[in-house]
Amino acid sequence: MEINWIVIGVVAVLIVVLVVLTIRKNLKEKKKLENLLNNDFTKAEKSRCRFR
């Protein structure tokens, strides 16, 4: 029984492509979430000091 190296090579390339695409998508989502969390705060109202 011979090993079909072409099929193994194609499967290996597809797995590598899938991993790379998944990592890129996760990095984009991480950047979006980071920007959302950094910009999603309510600005404190300017309060007047009572002890003037």
C-alpha atoms as a PDB file:
ATOM      1  CA  MET A   1       0.000   0.000   0.000  1.00  0.00           C
ATOM      2  CA  GLU A   2       1.519   3.279  -1.106  1.00  0.00           C
ATOM      3  CA  ILE A   3       1.178   6.552   0.722  1.00  0.00           C
ATOM      4  CA  ASN A   4      -0.604   9.132  -1.423  1.00  0.00           C
ATOM      5  CA  TRP A   5       1.651  12.146  -0.776  1.00  0.00           C
ATOM      6  CA  ILE A   6      -0.400  14.441  -3.007  1.00  0.00           C
ATOM      7  CA  VAL A   7      -3.530  14.001  -0.885  1.00  0.00           C
ATOM      8  CA  ILE A   8      -1.564  14.432   2.339  1.00  0.00           C
ATOM      9  CA  GLY A   9       0.059  17.597   0.946  1.00  0.00           C
ATOM     10  CA  VAL A  10      -3.273  19.108  -0.117  1.00  0.00           C
ATOM     11  CA  VAL A  11      -4.825  18.385   3.284  1.00  0.00           C
ATOM     12  CA  ALA A  12      -1.797  19.865   5.070  1.00  0.00           C
ATOM     13  CA  VAL A  13      -1.958  23.038   2.959  1.00  0.00           C
ATOM     14  CA  LEU A  14      -5.693  23.397   3.637  1.00  0.00           C
ATOM     15  CA  ILE A  15      -5.133  23.019   7.379  1.00  0.00           C
ATOM     16  CA  VAL A  16      -2.392  25.674   7.352  1.00  0.00           C
ATOM     17  CA  VAL A  17      -4.619  28.073   5.385  1.00  0.00           C
ATOM     18  CA  LEU A  18      -7.509  27.473   7.794  1.00  0.00           C
ATOM     19  CA  VAL A  19      -5.286  28.180  10.821  1.00  0.00           C
ATOM     20  CA  VAL A  20      -3.886  31.372   9.278  1.00  0.00           C
ATOM     21  CA  LEU A  21      -7.352  32.686   8.375  1.00  0.00           C
ATOM     22  CA  THR A  22      -8.657  31.905  11.862  1.00  0.00           C
ATOM     23  CA  ILE A  23      -5.757  33.739  13.509  1.00  0.00           C
ATOM     24  CA  ARG A  24      -6.207  36.788  11.268  1.00  0.00           C
ATOM     25  CA  LYS A  25      -9.955  36.921  11.987  1.00  0.00           C
ATOM     26  CA  ASN A  26      -9.354  36.658  15.734  1.00  0.00           C
ATOM     27  CA  LEU A  27      -6.807  39.488  15.632  1.00  0.00           C
ATOM     28  CA  LYS A  28      -9.289  41.727  13.802  1.00  0.00           C
ATOM     29  CA  GLU A  29     -12.032  40.897  16.313  1.00  0.00           C
ATOM     30  CA  LYS A  30      -9.630  41.532  19.198  1.00  0.00           C
ATOM     31  CA  LYS A  31      -8.746  44.943  17.780  1.00  0.00           C
ATOM     32  CA  LYS A  32     -12.441  45.828  17.344  1.00  0.00           C
ATOM     33  CA  LEU A  33     -13.232  44.734  20.903  1.00  0.00           C
ATOM     34  CA  GLU A  34     -10.268  46.653  22.289  1.00  0.00           C
ATOM     35  CA  ASN A  35     -11.359  49.831  20.498  1.00  0.00           C
ATOM     36  CA  LEU A  36     -14.932  49.347  21.683  1.00  0.00           C
ATOM     37  CA  LEU A  37     -13.879  48.893  25.292  1.00  0.00           C
ATOM     38  CA  ASN A  38     -11.466  51.831  25.182  1.00  0.00           C
ATOM     39  CA  ASN A  39     -14.073  54.191  23.712  1.00  0.00           C
ATOM     40  CA  ASP A  40     -17.126  52.916  25.588  1.00  0.00           C
ATOM     41  CA  PHE A  41     -16.974  54.946  28.753  1.00  0.00           C
ATOM     42  CA  THR A  42     -19.205  57.729  29.883  1.00  0.00           C
ATOM     43  CA  LYS A  43     -17.365  60.952  30.380  1.00  0.00           C
ATOM     44  CA  ALA A  44     -17.535  62.275  33.908  1.00  0.00           C
ATOM     45  CA  GLU A  45     -19.583  65.383  34.318  1.00  0.00           C
ATOM     46  CA  LYS A  46     -17.686  68.427  35.441  1.00  0.00           C
ATOM     47  CA  SER A  47     -18.739  68.949  39.036  1.00  0.00           C
ATOM     48  CA  ARG A  48     -18.335  72.225  40.752  1.00  0.00           C
ATOM     49  CA  CYS A  49     -16.232  72.240  43.857  1.00  0.00           C
ATOM     50  CA  ARG A  50     -18.201  73.170  46.985  1.00  0.00           C
ATOM     51  CA  PHE A  51     -15.151  74.099  49.024  1.00  0.00           C
ATOM     52  CA  ARG A  52     -14.074  77.312  47.331  1.00  0.00           C
END
